[in-house]
């Protein structure tokens, strides 16, 4: 599976180290969308991914929020990469690999290349022991606000193997996050 590395999309180095996952392999895979623009070629997708990183950093985050992004060109873009905790689903990110479709999918589905690349990434992550064989697949919208996964994308992801509602461990993590907000 082709991977566009951070250097290739001109990523800015984080201001401080990104925290590692708390357990390996990851026990959750989180699917989300970036919102905003879609892209259909590597040049444009690289620009969009860089602009996503820049917006996150401008808004106070250390780096891009996702482990991997999937462009409309069907390529995987390295976000945080393996073994790093993302920034989009609270503390659950410390136990998860997050994969974001580049674009806003409140009405439409990602294209077939994006869907196939995402499935291949998840399967490869299990083979590489980056994702537990019995991992739970969820949408970020199940545990955090702000994702642009619409009903069609939600329905599609619910049909994939490993789909899960927020299990008891997820519920505990989510509850702890909610208590920290007060």
N, C-alpha and C. Protein backbone atom coordinates (compact mmCIF):
# COMPACT_ATOMS: atom_id res chain seq x y z
N UNK A 1 0.85 -1.18 0.00
CA UNK A 1 0.00 0.00 0.00
C UNK A 1 0.89 1.24 0.00
N UNK A 2 0.78 2.06 -1.01
CA UNK A 2 1.61 3.28 -1.06
C UNK A 2 1.29 4.23 0.09
N UNK A 3 2.34 4.77 0.68
CA UNK A 3 2.20 5.70 1.79
C UNK A 3 2.95 6.98 1.46
N UNK A 4 2.26 8.10 1.54
CA UNK A 4 2.89 9.40 1.35
C UNK A 4 3.39 9.82 2.73
N UNK A 5 4.69 9.83 2.89
CA UNK A 5 5.32 10.14 4.17
C UNK A 5 5.20 11.64 4.50
N UNK A 6 5.35 11.96 5.76
CA UNK A 6 5.24 13.34 6.23
C UNK A 6 6.17 14.27 5.44
N UNK A 7 7.38 13.84 5.20
CA UNK A 7 8.34 14.67 4.46
C UNK A 7 7.82 14.97 3.05
N UNK A 8 7.13 14.01 2.45
CA UNK A 8 6.63 14.19 1.09
C UNK A 8 5.49 15.20 1.01
N UNK A 9 4.69 15.32 2.06
CA UNK A 9 3.64 16.34 2.03
C UNK A 9 4.06 17.60 2.78
N UNK A 10 5.34 17.69 3.11
CA UNK A 10 5.95 18.90 3.71
C UNK A 10 5.45 19.20 5.12
N UNK A 11 5.23 18.15 5.91
CA UNK A 11 4.76 18.33 7.29
C UNK A 11 5.74 19.19 8.08
N UNK A 12 5.19 19.98 8.97
CA UNK A 12 5.97 20.76 9.90
C UNK A 12 6.24 19.87 11.12
N UNK A 13 7.43 19.94 11.64
CA UNK A 13 7.80 19.13 12.80
C UNK A 13 6.98 19.59 14.01
N UNK A 14 6.49 18.65 14.84
CA UNK A 14 5.74 19.06 16.03
C UNK A 14 6.60 19.87 16.99
N UNK A 15 5.96 20.72 17.79
CA UNK A 15 6.67 21.55 18.76
C UNK A 15 7.23 20.72 19.92
N UNK A 16 6.56 19.61 20.22
CA UNK A 16 7.01 18.72 21.29
C UNK A 16 6.62 17.29 20.90
N UNK A 17 7.22 16.29 21.53
CA UNK A 17 6.94 14.90 21.13
C UNK A 17 5.46 14.55 21.26
N UNK A 18 4.97 13.78 20.31
CA UNK A 18 3.59 13.31 20.35
C UNK A 18 3.55 12.11 21.30
N UNK A 19 2.60 12.09 22.24
CA UNK A 19 2.56 10.98 23.19
C UNK A 19 2.36 9.63 22.50
N UNK A 20 2.99 8.58 23.04
CA UNK A 20 2.81 7.25 22.45
C UNK A 20 1.46 6.66 22.86
N UNK A 21 1.04 5.61 22.16
CA UNK A 21 -0.14 4.86 22.57
C UNK A 21 0.15 4.22 23.93
N UNK A 22 -0.89 4.03 24.72
CA UNK A 22 -0.72 3.42 26.04
C UNK A 22 -0.64 1.91 25.98
N UNK A 23 -1.13 1.32 24.90
CA UNK A 23 -1.04 -0.13 24.77
C UNK A 23 -0.84 -0.49 23.30
N UNK A 24 -0.03 -1.49 23.08
CA UNK A 24 0.21 -2.00 21.74
C UNK A 24 -0.06 -3.49 21.74
N UNK A 25 -0.70 -3.99 20.73
CA UNK A 25 -1.26 -3.24 19.62
C UNK A 25 -2.48 -2.42 20.05
N UNK A 26 -2.84 -1.45 19.22
CA UNK A 26 -4.01 -0.62 19.51
C UNK A 26 -5.26 -1.49 19.57
N UNK A 27 -6.17 -1.16 20.46
CA UNK A 27 -7.39 -1.96 20.60
C UNK A 27 -8.59 -1.36 19.87
N UNK A 28 -8.45 -0.12 19.38
CA UNK A 28 -9.52 0.54 18.64
C UNK A 28 -9.00 1.10 17.32
N UNK A 29 -9.86 1.11 16.33
CA UNK A 29 -9.62 1.84 15.08
C UNK A 29 -10.75 2.86 14.98
N UNK A 30 -10.38 4.12 14.86
CA UNK A 30 -11.35 5.21 14.79
C UNK A 30 -11.38 5.77 13.38
N UNK A 31 -12.56 5.80 12.78
CA UNK A 31 -12.75 6.34 11.45
C UNK A 31 -13.39 7.71 11.59
N UNK A 32 -12.88 8.67 10.82
CA UNK A 32 -13.43 10.01 10.85
C UNK A 32 -13.19 10.70 9.52
N UNK A 33 -13.62 11.92 9.44
CA UNK A 33 -13.38 12.72 8.25
C UNK A 33 -12.70 14.02 8.66
N UNK A 34 -12.00 14.63 7.72
CA UNK A 34 -11.30 15.87 8.05
C UNK A 34 -12.21 17.08 7.93
N UNK A 35 -13.34 16.95 7.22
CA UNK A 35 -14.15 18.11 6.89
C UNK A 35 -13.42 18.88 5.80
N UNK A 36 -13.99 19.92 5.33
CA UNK A 36 -13.31 20.76 4.35
C UNK A 36 -13.20 20.12 2.97
N UNK A 37 -12.12 20.47 2.30
CA UNK A 37 -11.94 20.11 0.89
C UNK A 37 -11.57 18.65 0.69
N UNK A 38 -12.06 18.13 -0.44
CA UNK A 38 -11.63 16.82 -0.91
C UNK A 38 -10.50 17.06 -1.91
N UNK A 39 -9.83 15.98 -2.28
CA UNK A 39 -8.73 16.10 -3.23
C UNK A 39 -8.69 14.84 -4.09
N UNK A 40 -8.19 14.98 -5.31
CA UNK A 40 -8.20 13.84 -6.23
C UNK A 40 -6.84 13.48 -6.81
N UNK A 41 -5.81 14.27 -6.50
CA UNK A 41 -4.47 13.91 -6.98
C UNK A 41 -3.46 14.17 -5.86
N UNK A 42 -2.30 13.58 -5.99
CA UNK A 42 -1.31 13.62 -4.91
C UNK A 42 -0.86 15.04 -4.59
N UNK A 43 -0.66 15.85 -5.61
CA UNK A 43 -0.24 17.24 -5.36
C UNK A 43 -1.28 17.97 -4.53
N UNK A 44 -2.52 17.91 -4.95
CA UNK A 44 -3.59 18.62 -4.23
C UNK A 44 -3.82 18.02 -2.85
N UNK A 45 -3.79 16.67 -2.74
CA UNK A 45 -3.98 16.04 -1.43
C UNK A 45 -2.88 16.44 -0.46
N UNK A 46 -1.65 16.53 -0.95
CA UNK A 46 -0.54 16.97 -0.10
C UNK A 46 -0.79 18.38 0.42
N UNK A 47 -1.28 19.26 -0.44
CA UNK A 47 -1.60 20.63 -0.03
C UNK A 47 -2.70 20.65 1.03
N UNK A 48 -3.73 19.85 0.80
CA UNK A 48 -4.86 19.81 1.74
C UNK A 48 -4.40 19.26 3.09
N UNK A 49 -3.61 18.18 3.08
CA UNK A 49 -3.13 17.61 4.34
C UNK A 49 -2.26 18.61 5.09
N UNK A 50 -1.39 19.31 4.38
CA UNK A 50 -0.56 20.34 5.01
C UNK A 50 -1.43 21.45 5.60
N UNK A 51 -2.47 21.85 4.89
CA UNK A 51 -3.35 22.91 5.42
C UNK A 51 -4.12 22.42 6.64
N UNK A 52 -4.45 21.14 6.69
CA UNK A 52 -5.12 20.58 7.87
C UNK A 52 -4.17 20.64 9.06
N UNK A 53 -2.92 20.25 8.84
CA UNK A 53 -1.94 20.33 9.92
C UNK A 53 -1.77 21.78 10.38
N UNK A 54 -1.64 22.70 9.45
CA UNK A 54 -1.44 24.11 9.80
C UNK A 54 -2.62 24.64 10.62
N UNK A 55 -3.84 24.28 10.25
CA UNK A 55 -5.02 24.74 10.99
C UNK A 55 -5.03 24.17 12.40
N UNK A 56 -4.66 22.90 12.54
CA UNK A 56 -4.62 22.29 13.88
C UNK A 56 -3.58 22.97 14.76
N UNK A 57 -2.41 23.21 14.21
CA UNK A 57 -1.34 23.86 14.98
C UNK A 57 -1.76 25.28 15.34
N UNK A 58 -2.36 26.00 14.40
CA UNK A 58 -2.83 27.36 14.66
C UNK A 58 -3.85 27.39 15.80
N UNK A 59 -4.66 26.30 15.89
CA UNK A 59 -5.69 26.23 16.93
C UNK A 59 -5.18 25.61 18.23
N UNK A 60 -3.86 25.49 18.35
CA UNK A 60 -3.28 25.08 19.62
C UNK A 60 -2.88 23.63 19.77
N UNK A 61 -3.11 22.81 18.75
CA UNK A 61 -2.64 21.42 18.83
C UNK A 61 -1.18 21.35 18.45
N UNK A 62 -0.55 20.28 18.83
CA UNK A 62 0.86 20.08 18.55
C UNK A 62 1.11 19.65 17.10
N UNK A 63 0.16 18.96 16.51
CA UNK A 63 0.37 18.36 15.19
C UNK A 63 -0.99 18.03 14.58
N UNK A 64 -0.95 17.40 13.44
CA UNK A 64 -2.16 16.91 12.80
C UNK A 64 -2.83 15.92 13.75
N UNK A 65 -4.14 15.80 13.72
CA UNK A 65 -4.87 15.03 14.72
C UNK A 65 -4.92 13.53 14.45
N UNK A 66 -4.59 13.08 13.26
CA UNK A 66 -4.85 11.70 12.84
C UNK A 66 -3.57 10.90 12.64
N UNK A 67 -3.67 9.59 12.82
CA UNK A 67 -2.52 8.73 12.53
C UNK A 67 -2.30 8.63 11.03
N UNK A 68 -3.39 8.48 10.28
CA UNK A 68 -3.31 8.38 8.82
C UNK A 68 -4.50 9.09 8.21
N UNK A 69 -4.30 9.61 7.00
CA UNK A 69 -5.37 10.23 6.23
C UNK A 69 -5.45 9.50 4.90
N UNK A 70 -6.65 9.46 4.33
CA UNK A 70 -6.84 8.78 3.04
C UNK A 70 -7.38 9.80 2.05
N UNK A 71 -6.53 10.12 1.07
CA UNK A 71 -6.90 11.12 0.07
C UNK A 71 -7.81 10.56 -1.00
N UNK A 72 -8.44 11.46 -1.74
CA UNK A 72 -9.30 11.07 -2.86
C UNK A 72 -8.53 10.41 -3.99
N UNK A 73 -7.19 10.49 -3.94
CA UNK A 73 -6.35 9.79 -4.91
C UNK A 73 -6.14 8.33 -4.51
N UNK A 74 -6.70 7.93 -3.36
CA UNK A 74 -6.58 6.56 -2.88
C UNK A 74 -5.31 6.28 -2.11
N UNK A 75 -4.45 7.28 -1.96
CA UNK A 75 -3.20 7.08 -1.23
C UNK A 75 -3.39 7.35 0.26
N UNK A 76 -2.55 6.70 1.05
CA UNK A 76 -2.51 6.94 2.48
C UNK A 76 -1.48 8.01 2.75
N UNK A 77 -1.83 8.96 3.60
CA UNK A 77 -0.94 10.03 4.00
C UNK A 77 -0.60 9.81 5.47
N UNK A 78 0.69 9.77 5.76
CA UNK A 78 1.13 9.59 7.13
C UNK A 78 0.83 10.87 7.90
N UNK A 79 0.01 10.73 8.94
CA UNK A 79 -0.26 11.84 9.83
C UNK A 79 0.73 11.72 10.98
N UNK A 80 0.25 11.23 12.11
CA UNK A 80 1.13 10.98 13.25
C UNK A 80 1.92 9.69 13.05
N UNK A 81 1.39 8.79 12.24
CA UNK A 81 2.03 7.50 12.02
C UNK A 81 1.66 6.50 13.11
N UNK A 82 2.43 5.43 13.16
CA UNK A 82 2.17 4.33 14.10
C UNK A 82 2.57 4.71 15.52
N UNK A 83 1.90 4.09 16.47
CA UNK A 83 2.27 4.13 17.89
C UNK A 83 2.18 5.52 18.52
N UNK A 84 1.39 6.41 17.94
CA UNK A 84 1.22 7.76 18.49
C UNK A 84 -0.25 7.99 18.82
N UNK A 85 -0.50 8.73 19.88
CA UNK A 85 -1.87 9.07 20.29
C UNK A 85 -2.34 10.30 19.52
N UNK A 86 -3.48 10.17 18.85
CA UNK A 86 -4.04 11.28 18.09
C UNK A 86 -4.70 12.31 18.99
N UNK A 87 -5.46 13.22 18.36
CA UNK A 87 -6.03 14.35 19.10
C UNK A 87 -7.52 14.56 18.88
N UNK A 88 -8.23 13.59 18.31
CA UNK A 88 -9.62 13.89 17.93
C UNK A 88 -10.68 13.22 18.78
N UNK A 89 -10.31 12.27 19.64
CA UNK A 89 -11.32 11.55 20.42
C UNK A 89 -10.93 11.45 21.89
N UNK A 90 -10.38 12.51 22.42
CA UNK A 90 -10.02 12.53 23.83
C UNK A 90 -9.03 11.43 24.19
N UNK A 91 -9.17 10.90 25.38
CA UNK A 91 -8.23 9.89 25.88
C UNK A 91 -8.32 8.57 25.11
N UNK A 92 -9.42 8.34 24.41
CA UNK A 92 -9.54 7.10 23.63
C UNK A 92 -8.44 7.02 22.57
N UNK A 93 -7.94 8.17 22.13
CA UNK A 93 -6.85 8.17 21.16
C UNK A 93 -5.60 7.46 21.68
N UNK A 94 -5.44 7.37 22.98
CA UNK A 94 -4.27 6.70 23.56
C UNK A 94 -4.30 5.19 23.37
N UNK A 95 -5.43 4.69 22.88
CA UNK A 95 -5.60 3.25 22.67
C UNK A 95 -6.01 2.93 21.23
N UNK A 96 -5.88 3.90 20.33
CA UNK A 96 -6.48 3.77 19.00
C UNK A 96 -5.56 4.23 17.88
N UNK A 97 -5.87 3.72 16.70
CA UNK A 97 -5.32 4.23 15.45
C UNK A 97 -6.46 5.01 14.80
N UNK A 98 -6.22 6.25 14.46
CA UNK A 98 -7.27 7.05 13.81
C UNK A 98 -6.96 7.21 12.32
N UNK A 99 -8.01 7.02 11.53
CA UNK A 99 -7.90 7.12 10.08
C UNK A 99 -8.96 8.10 9.61
N UNK A 100 -8.54 9.13 8.89
CA UNK A 100 -9.48 10.17 8.44
C UNK A 100 -9.57 10.21 6.92
N UNK A 101 -10.79 10.18 6.42
CA UNK A 101 -11.02 10.43 5.00
C UNK A 101 -10.87 11.93 4.77
N UNK A 102 -10.08 12.32 3.79
CA UNK A 102 -9.88 13.74 3.50
C UNK A 102 -11.12 14.27 2.79
N UNK A 103 -11.80 15.20 3.45
CA UNK A 103 -12.99 15.82 2.87
C UNK A 103 -14.16 15.80 3.82
N UNK A 104 -15.25 16.38 3.35
CA UNK A 104 -16.49 16.44 4.10
C UNK A 104 -17.44 15.41 3.50
N UNK A 105 -17.90 14.48 4.33
CA UNK A 105 -18.76 13.41 3.84
C UNK A 105 -20.08 13.37 4.61
N UNK A 106 -20.66 14.57 4.80
CA UNK A 106 -21.96 14.62 5.46
C UNK A 106 -23.06 14.11 4.53
N UNK A 107 -22.87 14.24 3.21
CA UNK A 107 -23.88 13.78 2.25
C UNK A 107 -23.39 12.62 1.38
N UNK A 108 -22.14 12.67 0.98
CA UNK A 108 -21.60 11.69 0.05
C UNK A 108 -20.71 10.69 0.76
N UNK A 109 -20.37 9.64 0.02
CA UNK A 109 -19.42 8.65 0.50
C UNK A 109 -18.03 8.97 -0.04
N UNK A 110 -16.99 8.57 0.67
CA UNK A 110 -15.66 8.62 0.06
C UNK A 110 -15.66 7.76 -1.19
N UNK A 111 -14.73 8.02 -2.11
CA UNK A 111 -14.73 7.23 -3.34
C UNK A 111 -14.22 5.81 -3.08
N UNK A 112 -14.45 4.90 -4.03
CA UNK A 112 -14.05 3.50 -3.82
C UNK A 112 -12.57 3.30 -3.49
N UNK A 113 -11.69 4.13 -4.07
CA UNK A 113 -10.26 3.99 -3.75
C UNK A 113 -10.00 4.32 -2.28
N UNK A 114 -10.65 5.35 -1.76
CA UNK A 114 -10.47 5.71 -0.35
C UNK A 114 -10.97 4.59 0.55
N UNK A 115 -12.09 4.03 0.22
CA UNK A 115 -12.67 2.96 1.03
C UNK A 115 -11.75 1.73 1.00
N UNK A 116 -11.30 1.34 -0.19
CA UNK A 116 -10.41 0.18 -0.30
C UNK A 116 -9.10 0.41 0.42
N UNK A 117 -8.52 1.59 0.29
CA UNK A 117 -7.25 1.89 0.96
C UNK A 117 -7.41 1.82 2.48
N UNK A 118 -8.53 2.29 2.99
CA UNK A 118 -8.77 2.25 4.43
C UNK A 118 -8.88 0.81 4.91
N UNK A 119 -9.62 0.00 4.18
CA UNK A 119 -9.74 -1.42 4.56
C UNK A 119 -8.38 -2.11 4.51
N UNK A 120 -7.58 -1.82 3.49
CA UNK A 120 -6.25 -2.41 3.38
C UNK A 120 -5.35 -1.96 4.52
N UNK A 121 -5.45 -0.69 4.92
CA UNK A 121 -4.66 -0.19 6.04
C UNK A 121 -5.02 -0.95 7.31
N UNK A 122 -6.30 -1.13 7.58
CA UNK A 122 -6.72 -1.83 8.79
C UNK A 122 -6.25 -3.28 8.77
N UNK A 123 -6.40 -3.95 7.63
CA UNK A 123 -5.95 -5.34 7.53
C UNK A 123 -4.44 -5.43 7.71
N UNK A 124 -3.70 -4.52 7.09
CA UNK A 124 -2.24 -4.50 7.23
C UNK A 124 -1.80 -4.19 8.64
N UNK A 125 -2.54 -3.33 9.33
CA UNK A 125 -2.21 -2.98 10.71
C UNK A 125 -2.34 -4.20 11.62
N UNK A 126 -3.33 -5.04 11.37
CA UNK A 126 -3.48 -6.27 12.15
C UNK A 126 -2.31 -7.20 11.86
N UNK A 127 -1.98 -7.38 10.58
CA UNK A 127 -0.85 -8.26 10.21
C UNK A 127 0.47 -7.77 10.80
N UNK A 128 0.64 -6.46 10.90
CA UNK A 128 1.88 -5.87 11.42
C UNK A 128 1.86 -5.73 12.94
N UNK A 129 0.82 -6.24 13.58
CA UNK A 129 0.67 -6.18 15.02
C UNK A 129 0.59 -4.74 15.55
N UNK A 130 0.10 -3.84 14.74
CA UNK A 130 -0.15 -2.46 15.16
C UNK A 130 -1.58 -2.30 15.68
N UNK A 131 -2.44 -3.24 15.29
CA UNK A 131 -3.86 -3.22 15.66
C UNK A 131 -4.22 -4.63 16.11
N UNK A 132 -4.87 -4.74 17.26
CA UNK A 132 -5.22 -6.05 17.81
C UNK A 132 -6.13 -6.82 16.85
N UNK A 133 -5.96 -8.13 16.76
CA UNK A 133 -6.81 -8.93 15.87
C UNK A 133 -8.30 -8.80 16.20
N UNK A 134 -8.64 -8.54 17.46
CA UNK A 134 -10.04 -8.39 17.87
C UNK A 134 -10.40 -6.91 18.10
N UNK A 135 -9.74 -6.02 17.36
CA UNK A 135 -9.97 -4.58 17.54
C UNK A 135 -11.44 -4.21 17.35
N UNK A 136 -11.79 -3.08 17.93
CA UNK A 136 -13.13 -2.51 17.80
C UNK A 136 -13.05 -1.34 16.84
N UNK A 137 -13.93 -1.33 15.86
CA UNK A 137 -13.99 -0.26 14.85
C UNK A 137 -15.13 0.68 15.21
N UNK A 138 -14.83 1.95 15.30
CA UNK A 138 -15.84 2.94 15.63
C UNK A 138 -15.63 4.21 14.82
N UNK A 139 -16.68 4.99 14.74
CA UNK A 139 -16.58 6.34 14.19
C UNK A 139 -16.26 7.28 15.34
N UNK A 140 -15.45 8.28 15.07
CA UNK A 140 -15.12 9.27 16.11
C UNK A 140 -16.40 9.93 16.60
N UNK A 141 -17.40 10.08 15.74
CA UNK A 141 -18.65 10.73 16.15
C UNK A 141 -19.36 9.97 17.27
N UNK A 142 -18.98 8.71 17.52
CA UNK A 142 -19.57 7.97 18.64
C UNK A 142 -19.02 8.44 19.98
N UNK A 143 -17.84 9.03 19.96
CA UNK A 143 -17.18 9.39 21.22
C UNK A 143 -16.79 10.86 21.33
N UNK A 144 -16.92 11.61 20.24
CA UNK A 144 -16.54 13.03 20.26
C UNK A 144 -17.44 13.80 19.29
N UNK A 145 -17.55 15.07 19.51
CA UNK A 145 -18.36 15.92 18.63
C UNK A 145 -17.52 16.50 17.50
N UNK A 146 -18.19 16.89 16.44
CA UNK A 146 -17.53 17.65 15.39
C UNK A 146 -17.17 16.90 14.14
N UNK A 147 -17.30 15.57 14.11
CA UNK A 147 -16.95 14.83 12.90
C UNK A 147 -18.02 15.04 11.85
N UNK A 148 -17.62 14.97 10.57
CA UNK A 148 -18.55 15.20 9.46
C UNK A 148 -18.91 13.90 8.75
N UNK A 149 -18.96 12.80 9.49
CA UNK A 149 -19.41 11.54 8.90
C UNK A 149 -20.93 11.56 8.85
N UNK A 150 -21.46 11.62 7.64
CA UNK A 150 -22.90 11.66 7.48
C UNK A 150 -23.52 10.28 7.56
N UNK A 151 -24.83 10.20 7.35
CA UNK A 151 -25.54 8.93 7.50
C UNK A 151 -25.08 7.84 6.53
N UNK A 152 -24.71 8.20 5.31
CA UNK A 152 -24.26 7.19 4.35
C UNK A 152 -22.92 6.59 4.76
N UNK A 153 -21.99 7.44 5.19
CA UNK A 153 -20.69 6.94 5.64
C UNK A 153 -20.86 6.14 6.93
N UNK A 154 -21.69 6.62 7.82
CA UNK A 154 -21.95 5.88 9.07
C UNK A 154 -22.49 4.50 8.76
N UNK A 155 -23.46 4.42 7.88
CA UNK A 155 -24.04 3.13 7.50
C UNK A 155 -23.00 2.20 6.87
N UNK A 156 -22.15 2.75 6.02
CA UNK A 156 -21.11 1.95 5.37
C UNK A 156 -20.14 1.38 6.42
N UNK A 157 -19.63 2.22 7.29
CA UNK A 157 -18.64 1.76 8.28
C UNK A 157 -19.27 0.76 9.24
N UNK A 158 -20.54 0.94 9.56
CA UNK A 158 -21.23 -0.03 10.43
C UNK A 158 -21.30 -1.41 9.79
N UNK A 159 -21.17 -1.49 8.48
CA UNK A 159 -21.26 -2.80 7.80
C UNK A 159 -19.90 -3.52 7.74
N UNK A 160 -18.83 -2.85 8.16
CA UNK A 160 -17.49 -3.44 8.09
C UNK A 160 -17.26 -4.40 9.26
N UNK A 161 -16.38 -5.37 9.03
CA UNK A 161 -16.00 -6.25 10.14
C UNK A 161 -15.41 -5.42 11.28
N UNK A 162 -15.58 -5.89 12.49
CA UNK A 162 -15.06 -5.27 13.72
C UNK A 162 -15.88 -4.07 14.20
N UNK A 163 -16.96 -3.71 13.45
CA UNK A 163 -17.78 -2.59 13.90
C UNK A 163 -18.22 -2.83 15.34
N UNK A 164 -18.23 -1.78 16.14
CA UNK A 164 -18.62 -1.92 17.54
C UNK A 164 -19.22 -0.61 18.03
N UNK A 165 -20.14 -0.76 18.95
CA UNK A 165 -20.56 0.39 19.73
C UNK A 165 -19.45 0.64 20.76
N UNK A 166 -19.53 1.71 21.46
CA UNK A 166 -18.53 2.04 22.49
C UNK A 166 -18.65 1.00 23.60
N UNK A 167 -17.64 0.11 23.71
CA UNK A 167 -17.66 -1.00 24.69
C UNK A 167 -17.42 -0.47 26.10
N UNK A 168 -17.48 -1.34 27.13
CA UNK A 168 -17.32 -0.86 28.51
C UNK A 168 -16.00 -0.10 28.76
N UNK A 169 -14.91 -0.55 28.18
CA UNK A 169 -13.63 0.16 28.36
C UNK A 169 -13.74 1.54 27.73
N UNK A 170 -14.28 1.60 26.54
CA UNK A 170 -14.49 2.89 25.85
C UNK A 170 -15.38 3.80 26.70
N UNK A 171 -16.44 3.24 27.27
CA UNK A 171 -17.35 4.04 28.11
C UNK A 171 -16.62 4.62 29.32
N UNK A 172 -15.75 3.82 29.94
CA UNK A 172 -14.98 4.32 31.10
C UNK A 172 -14.06 5.47 30.69
N UNK A 173 -13.39 5.31 29.55
CA UNK A 173 -12.48 6.36 29.07
C UNK A 173 -13.27 7.63 28.76
N UNK A 174 -14.40 7.46 28.09
CA UNK A 174 -15.24 8.59 27.73
C UNK A 174 -15.77 9.30 28.98
N UNK A 175 -16.19 8.53 29.97
CA UNK A 175 -16.70 9.11 31.22
C UNK A 175 -15.60 9.89 31.93
N UNK A 176 -14.40 9.35 31.97
CA UNK A 176 -13.27 10.05 32.60
C UNK A 176 -13.00 11.37 31.89
N UNK A 177 -13.07 11.36 30.57
CA UNK A 177 -12.87 12.60 29.80
C UNK A 177 -13.93 13.63 30.15
N UNK A 178 -15.20 13.18 30.27
CA UNK A 178 -16.29 14.10 30.59
C UNK A 178 -16.11 14.72 31.98
N UNK A 179 -15.62 13.92 32.92
CA UNK A 179 -15.38 14.43 34.29
C UNK A 179 -14.23 15.43 34.29
N UNK A 180 -13.24 15.21 33.43
CA UNK A 180 -12.11 16.14 33.34
C UNK A 180 -12.52 17.49 32.78
N UNK A 181 -13.64 17.52 32.04
CA UNK A 181 -14.11 18.77 31.43
C UNK A 181 -14.72 19.71 32.47
N UNK A 182 -15.06 19.22 33.63
CA UNK A 182 -15.70 20.06 34.64
C UNK A 182 -14.70 20.70 35.56
